[in-house]
């Protein structure tokens, strides 16, 4: 079953996705299967996935977010961090546009790696 909170933000998620790489149907399936975890409330929602490392350690990766920025930054991501800490995650990561670095910097997030891309 797809969580009602996800469905509330589904159209907003669809607008964020690059349809050349990720379809909304793919995100639906990831959420339905439980591969993506749904976090938030009526004002904001984000999806995370668990990314394991070869050592058995893991990180919690924020895949996509939509809704009220203040809620996402000051409430929802805090819930994700608390869960990650309780369950032994090494990191919480956000791979997104450059603007997130400025927004999340005051909350302890720092630039870690750069990915370069060239369209062909």
N, C-alpha and C. Protein backbone atom coordinates (compact mmCIF):
# COMPACT_ATOMS: atom_id res chain seq x y z
N UNK A 1 0.83 -1.19 0.00
CA UNK A 1 0.00 0.00 0.00
C UNK A 1 0.88 1.25 0.00
N UNK A 2 0.52 2.20 -0.82
CA UNK A 2 1.25 3.47 -0.85
C UNK A 2 0.69 4.36 0.27
N UNK A 3 1.57 4.88 1.13
CA UNK A 3 1.10 5.72 2.24
C UNK A 3 0.36 6.97 1.75
N UNK A 4 -0.74 7.32 2.42
CA UNK A 4 -1.50 8.51 2.03
C UNK A 4 -0.65 9.79 2.00
N UNK A 5 0.32 9.90 2.91
CA UNK A 5 1.17 11.09 2.92
C UNK A 5 1.95 11.20 1.62
N UNK A 6 2.45 10.09 1.12
CA UNK A 6 3.15 10.10 -0.17
C UNK A 6 2.21 10.58 -1.27
N UNK A 7 1.00 10.05 -1.28
CA UNK A 7 0.04 10.44 -2.32
C UNK A 7 -0.28 11.93 -2.27
N UNK A 8 -0.28 12.50 -1.08
CA UNK A 8 -0.54 13.94 -0.93
C UNK A 8 0.51 14.77 -1.66
N UNK A 9 1.76 14.28 -1.69
CA UNK A 9 2.86 15.03 -2.29
C UNK A 9 3.32 14.45 -3.63
N UNK A 10 2.63 13.46 -4.13
CA UNK A 10 3.05 12.76 -5.35
C UNK A 10 3.21 13.72 -6.54
N UNK A 11 2.27 14.61 -6.76
CA UNK A 11 2.37 15.54 -7.88
C UNK A 11 3.59 16.45 -7.74
N UNK A 12 3.88 16.89 -6.53
CA UNK A 12 5.06 17.72 -6.29
C UNK A 12 6.33 16.92 -6.55
N UNK A 13 6.37 15.67 -6.14
CA UNK A 13 7.53 14.82 -6.42
C UNK A 13 7.70 14.65 -7.93
N UNK A 14 6.61 14.44 -8.63
CA UNK A 14 6.67 14.23 -10.08
C UNK A 14 7.29 15.45 -10.77
N UNK A 15 7.04 16.64 -10.27
CA UNK A 15 7.59 17.86 -10.87
C UNK A 15 9.09 17.98 -10.64
N UNK A 16 9.58 17.38 -9.56
CA UNK A 16 11.00 17.45 -9.22
C UNK A 16 11.83 16.43 -10.00
N UNK A 17 11.24 15.28 -10.28
CA UNK A 17 11.97 14.21 -10.96
C UNK A 17 12.34 14.58 -12.38
N UNK A 18 13.50 14.15 -12.81
CA UNK A 18 13.90 14.27 -14.21
C UNK A 18 13.37 13.03 -14.92
N UNK A 19 12.38 13.18 -15.78
CA UNK A 19 11.74 12.01 -16.39
C UNK A 19 12.68 11.19 -17.27
N UNK A 20 13.85 11.73 -17.61
CA UNK A 20 14.83 10.96 -18.39
C UNK A 20 15.50 9.90 -17.52
N UNK A 21 15.48 10.11 -16.20
CA UNK A 21 16.19 9.18 -15.31
C UNK A 21 15.28 8.47 -14.32
N UNK A 22 14.20 9.11 -13.90
CA UNK A 22 13.31 8.54 -12.88
C UNK A 22 11.86 8.88 -13.22
N UNK A 23 11.04 7.89 -13.35
CA UNK A 23 9.62 8.15 -13.59
C UNK A 23 8.87 8.18 -12.26
N UNK A 24 7.74 8.82 -12.25
CA UNK A 24 6.92 8.82 -11.03
C UNK A 24 6.43 7.41 -10.72
N UNK A 25 6.24 6.60 -11.74
CA UNK A 25 5.83 5.21 -11.52
C UNK A 25 6.93 4.42 -10.81
N UNK A 26 8.18 4.73 -11.13
CA UNK A 26 9.30 4.10 -10.42
C UNK A 26 9.26 4.50 -8.94
N UNK A 27 9.06 5.81 -8.68
CA UNK A 27 9.00 6.28 -7.30
C UNK A 27 7.81 5.66 -6.57
N UNK A 28 6.68 5.54 -7.26
CA UNK A 28 5.52 4.85 -6.68
C UNK A 28 5.90 3.44 -6.24
N UNK A 29 6.57 2.71 -7.13
CA UNK A 29 6.94 1.32 -6.83
C UNK A 29 7.94 1.24 -5.68
N UNK A 30 8.89 2.16 -5.65
CA UNK A 30 9.87 2.16 -4.55
C UNK A 30 9.19 2.43 -3.22
N UNK A 31 8.20 3.30 -3.23
CA UNK A 31 7.47 3.63 -2.01
C UNK A 31 6.55 2.48 -1.62
N UNK A 32 5.82 1.94 -2.58
CA UNK A 32 4.90 0.82 -2.33
C UNK A 32 5.64 -0.38 -1.76
N UNK A 33 6.83 -0.66 -2.28
CA UNK A 33 7.60 -1.84 -1.85
C UNK A 33 8.27 -1.65 -0.50
N UNK A 34 8.31 -0.41 -0.02
CA UNK A 34 8.99 -0.14 1.24
C UNK A 34 10.46 0.20 1.07
N UNK A 35 10.94 0.20 -0.18
CA UNK A 35 12.33 0.57 -0.42
C UNK A 35 12.57 2.03 -0.02
N UNK A 36 11.59 2.88 -0.22
CA UNK A 36 11.65 4.27 0.21
C UNK A 36 10.81 4.43 1.47
N UNK A 37 11.35 5.14 2.43
CA UNK A 37 10.63 5.43 3.65
C UNK A 37 10.03 6.83 3.55
N UNK A 38 8.80 6.98 4.01
CA UNK A 38 8.06 8.24 3.91
C UNK A 38 8.09 8.94 5.26
N UNK A 39 8.49 10.20 5.27
CA UNK A 39 8.61 11.01 6.49
C UNK A 39 7.86 12.32 6.28
N UNK A 40 7.21 12.83 7.32
CA UNK A 40 6.63 14.16 7.23
C UNK A 40 5.27 14.28 7.86
N UNK A 41 4.59 15.32 7.44
CA UNK A 41 3.25 15.61 7.94
C UNK A 41 2.47 16.29 6.82
N UNK A 42 1.39 16.92 7.15
CA UNK A 42 0.52 17.52 6.13
C UNK A 42 1.19 18.67 5.38
N UNK A 43 2.26 19.24 5.94
CA UNK A 43 2.88 20.40 5.30
C UNK A 43 4.15 20.08 4.50
N UNK A 44 4.75 18.93 4.74
CA UNK A 44 6.00 18.59 4.06
C UNK A 44 6.24 17.09 4.10
N UNK A 45 6.98 16.61 3.11
CA UNK A 45 7.24 15.17 3.03
C UNK A 45 8.60 14.95 2.36
N UNK A 46 9.32 13.97 2.87
CA UNK A 46 10.53 13.54 2.19
C UNK A 46 10.60 12.03 2.18
N UNK A 47 11.36 11.51 1.23
CA UNK A 47 11.55 10.07 1.10
C UNK A 47 13.01 9.75 1.31
N UNK A 48 13.27 8.68 2.04
CA UNK A 48 14.64 8.24 2.25
C UNK A 48 14.80 6.80 1.77
N UNK A 49 16.05 6.44 1.53
CA UNK A 49 16.39 5.06 1.23
C UNK A 49 17.62 4.69 2.05
N UNK A 50 17.72 3.43 2.39
CA UNK A 50 18.87 2.92 3.11
C UNK A 50 19.91 2.49 2.07
N UNK A 51 21.11 3.01 2.21
CA UNK A 51 22.20 2.65 1.30
C UNK A 51 23.26 1.90 2.10
N UNK A 52 23.36 0.59 1.88
CA UNK A 52 24.35 -0.20 2.61
C UNK A 52 25.75 -0.06 2.01
N UNK A 53 26.76 -0.21 2.85
CA UNK A 53 28.15 -0.26 2.42
C UNK A 53 28.63 -1.70 2.49
N UNK A 54 29.70 -2.03 1.78
CA UNK A 54 30.20 -3.41 1.79
C UNK A 54 30.56 -3.94 3.18
N UNK A 55 30.85 -3.03 4.11
CA UNK A 55 31.21 -3.45 5.48
C UNK A 55 30.01 -3.84 6.32
N UNK A 56 28.81 -3.56 5.82
CA UNK A 56 27.60 -3.78 6.60
C UNK A 56 27.07 -2.51 7.21
N UNK A 57 27.89 -1.47 7.26
CA UNK A 57 27.43 -0.16 7.72
C UNK A 57 26.46 0.40 6.68
N UNK A 58 25.73 1.46 7.05
CA UNK A 58 24.78 2.04 6.10
C UNK A 58 24.59 3.52 6.35
N UNK A 59 24.05 4.18 5.34
CA UNK A 59 23.65 5.57 5.46
C UNK A 59 22.17 5.68 5.13
N UNK A 60 21.55 6.74 5.59
CA UNK A 60 20.18 7.06 5.23
C UNK A 60 20.26 8.22 4.25
N UNK A 61 19.78 7.98 3.05
CA UNK A 61 19.89 8.95 1.97
C UNK A 61 18.53 9.59 1.69
N UNK A 62 18.48 10.91 1.72
CA UNK A 62 17.26 11.63 1.36
C UNK A 62 17.19 11.66 -0.16
N UNK A 63 16.17 11.02 -0.69
CA UNK A 63 16.00 10.91 -2.14
C UNK A 63 15.30 12.12 -2.74
N UNK A 64 14.23 12.57 -2.08
CA UNK A 64 13.41 13.65 -2.65
C UNK A 64 12.61 14.29 -1.52
N UNK A 65 12.29 15.55 -1.68
CA UNK A 65 11.51 16.27 -0.67
C UNK A 65 10.59 17.28 -1.35
N UNK A 66 9.49 17.57 -0.68
CA UNK A 66 8.55 18.56 -1.19
C UNK A 66 7.77 19.14 -0.01
N UNK A 67 7.31 20.36 -0.19
CA UNK A 67 6.49 20.97 0.84
C UNK A 67 7.17 22.15 1.50
N UNK A 68 6.71 22.46 2.68
CA UNK A 68 7.18 23.62 3.43
C UNK A 68 8.65 23.45 3.85
N UNK A 69 9.50 24.36 3.39
CA UNK A 69 10.94 24.27 3.64
C UNK A 69 11.26 24.31 5.13
N UNK A 70 10.60 25.18 5.88
CA UNK A 70 10.86 25.28 7.31
C UNK A 70 10.58 23.95 8.01
N UNK A 71 9.49 23.31 7.65
CA UNK A 71 9.15 22.01 8.24
C UNK A 71 10.19 20.97 7.85
N UNK A 72 10.57 20.94 6.57
CA UNK A 72 11.57 19.97 6.12
C UNK A 72 12.88 20.11 6.87
N UNK A 73 13.34 21.35 7.03
CA UNK A 73 14.66 21.62 7.61
C UNK A 73 14.66 21.50 9.13
N UNK A 74 13.60 21.95 9.78
CA UNK A 74 13.61 22.03 11.23
C UNK A 74 12.84 20.93 11.94
N UNK A 75 12.08 20.13 11.20
CA UNK A 75 11.32 19.05 11.84
C UNK A 75 11.56 17.71 11.17
N UNK A 76 11.23 17.61 9.90
CA UNK A 76 11.24 16.31 9.23
C UNK A 76 12.64 15.71 9.18
N UNK A 77 13.64 16.48 8.77
CA UNK A 77 14.99 15.92 8.69
C UNK A 77 15.51 15.57 10.09
N UNK A 78 15.05 16.27 11.10
CA UNK A 78 15.46 15.94 12.49
C UNK A 78 14.93 14.56 12.88
N UNK A 79 13.72 14.24 12.45
CA UNK A 79 13.16 12.92 12.73
C UNK A 79 13.96 11.84 12.02
N UNK A 80 14.37 12.11 10.79
CA UNK A 80 15.20 11.16 10.04
C UNK A 80 16.54 10.97 10.76
N UNK A 81 17.17 12.06 11.17
CA UNK A 81 18.45 11.98 11.87
C UNK A 81 18.35 11.18 13.17
N UNK A 82 17.28 11.41 13.93
CA UNK A 82 17.10 10.68 15.18
C UNK A 82 16.94 9.18 14.91
N UNK A 83 16.14 8.84 13.91
CA UNK A 83 15.96 7.43 13.55
C UNK A 83 17.29 6.82 13.13
N UNK A 84 18.02 7.54 12.28
CA UNK A 84 19.32 7.05 11.78
C UNK A 84 20.29 6.81 12.93
N UNK A 85 20.32 7.72 13.87
CA UNK A 85 21.20 7.59 15.03
C UNK A 85 20.82 6.37 15.88
N UNK A 86 19.53 6.22 16.14
CA UNK A 86 19.07 5.08 16.95
C UNK A 86 19.38 3.73 16.30
N UNK A 87 19.43 3.71 14.97
CA UNK A 87 19.62 2.45 14.25
C UNK A 87 21.05 2.24 13.75
N UNK A 88 21.96 3.11 14.14
CA UNK A 88 23.38 2.91 13.84
C UNK A 88 23.86 3.35 12.48
N UNK A 89 23.13 4.22 11.81
CA UNK A 89 23.59 4.73 10.52
C UNK A 89 24.86 5.57 10.71
N UNK A 90 25.73 5.52 9.73
CA UNK A 90 26.93 6.36 9.79
C UNK A 90 26.64 7.80 9.40
N UNK A 91 25.74 7.97 8.44
CA UNK A 91 25.47 9.29 7.88
C UNK A 91 24.00 9.43 7.50
N UNK A 92 23.57 10.68 7.42
CA UNK A 92 22.37 11.04 6.67
C UNK A 92 22.88 11.91 5.54
N UNK A 93 22.51 11.56 4.31
CA UNK A 93 23.00 12.30 3.15
C UNK A 93 21.85 12.89 2.35
N UNK A 94 22.14 13.99 1.70
CA UNK A 94 21.20 14.66 0.81
C UNK A 94 21.95 14.94 -0.48
N UNK A 95 21.54 14.34 -1.56
CA UNK A 95 22.13 14.64 -2.87
C UNK A 95 21.10 15.47 -3.63
N UNK A 96 21.41 16.73 -3.83
CA UNK A 96 20.43 17.61 -4.45
C UNK A 96 21.14 18.79 -5.09
N UNK A 97 20.39 19.81 -5.32
CA UNK A 97 20.92 21.03 -5.93
C UNK A 97 21.80 21.78 -4.92
N UNK A 98 22.66 22.63 -5.45
CA UNK A 98 23.62 23.38 -4.64
C UNK A 98 22.98 24.17 -3.51
N UNK A 99 21.78 24.67 -3.70
CA UNK A 99 21.12 25.48 -2.69
C UNK A 99 20.93 24.77 -1.36
N UNK A 100 20.80 23.44 -1.39
CA UNK A 100 20.62 22.69 -0.15
C UNK A 100 21.85 22.80 0.75
N UNK A 101 23.03 22.96 0.15
CA UNK A 101 24.25 23.09 0.95
C UNK A 101 24.16 24.33 1.84
N UNK A 102 23.69 25.41 1.30
CA UNK A 102 23.55 26.66 2.06
C UNK A 102 22.47 26.51 3.15
N UNK A 103 21.35 25.89 2.79
CA UNK A 103 20.25 25.73 3.73
C UNK A 103 20.62 24.80 4.88
N UNK A 104 21.30 23.69 4.56
CA UNK A 104 21.58 22.67 5.58
C UNK A 104 22.90 22.87 6.31
N UNK A 105 23.78 23.74 5.81
CA UNK A 105 25.06 24.00 6.46
C UNK A 105 24.94 24.35 7.93
N UNK A 106 24.05 25.26 8.30
CA UNK A 106 23.90 25.61 9.72
C UNK A 106 23.42 24.45 10.59
N UNK A 107 22.97 23.38 9.97
CA UNK A 107 22.46 22.23 10.71
C UNK A 107 23.46 21.07 10.72
N UNK A 108 24.72 21.37 10.41
CA UNK A 108 25.78 20.37 10.51
C UNK A 108 26.09 19.62 9.23
N UNK A 109 25.41 19.91 8.15
CA UNK A 109 25.69 19.24 6.88
C UNK A 109 26.80 19.99 6.16
N UNK A 110 27.69 19.24 5.52
CA UNK A 110 28.81 19.86 4.82
C UNK A 110 29.02 19.18 3.48
N UNK A 111 29.59 19.93 2.55
CA UNK A 111 29.91 19.37 1.24
C UNK A 111 30.86 18.20 1.44
N UNK A 112 30.58 17.10 0.75
CA UNK A 112 31.42 15.92 0.90
C UNK A 112 32.05 15.51 -0.42
N UNK A 113 31.31 15.48 -1.47
CA UNK A 113 31.80 14.95 -2.72
C UNK A 113 31.14 15.71 -3.87
N UNK A 114 31.81 15.82 -4.98
CA UNK A 114 31.24 16.47 -6.14
C UNK A 114 31.10 15.46 -7.27
N UNK A 115 29.99 15.51 -7.93
CA UNK A 115 29.76 14.68 -9.10
C UNK A 115 29.64 15.58 -10.31
N UNK A 116 30.43 15.32 -11.32
CA UNK A 116 30.38 16.09 -12.54
C UNK A 116 29.57 15.34 -13.57
N UNK A 117 28.81 16.05 -14.36
CA UNK A 117 27.94 15.40 -15.35
C UNK A 117 28.03 16.14 -16.67
N UNK A 118 28.09 15.37 -17.73
CA UNK A 118 28.06 15.93 -19.08
C UNK A 118 26.99 15.21 -19.86
N UNK A 119 26.05 15.95 -20.40
CA UNK A 119 25.03 15.32 -21.25
C UNK A 119 25.65 14.96 -22.58
N UNK A 120 25.29 13.79 -23.08
CA UNK A 120 25.82 13.35 -24.38
C UNK A 120 24.70 13.05 -25.34
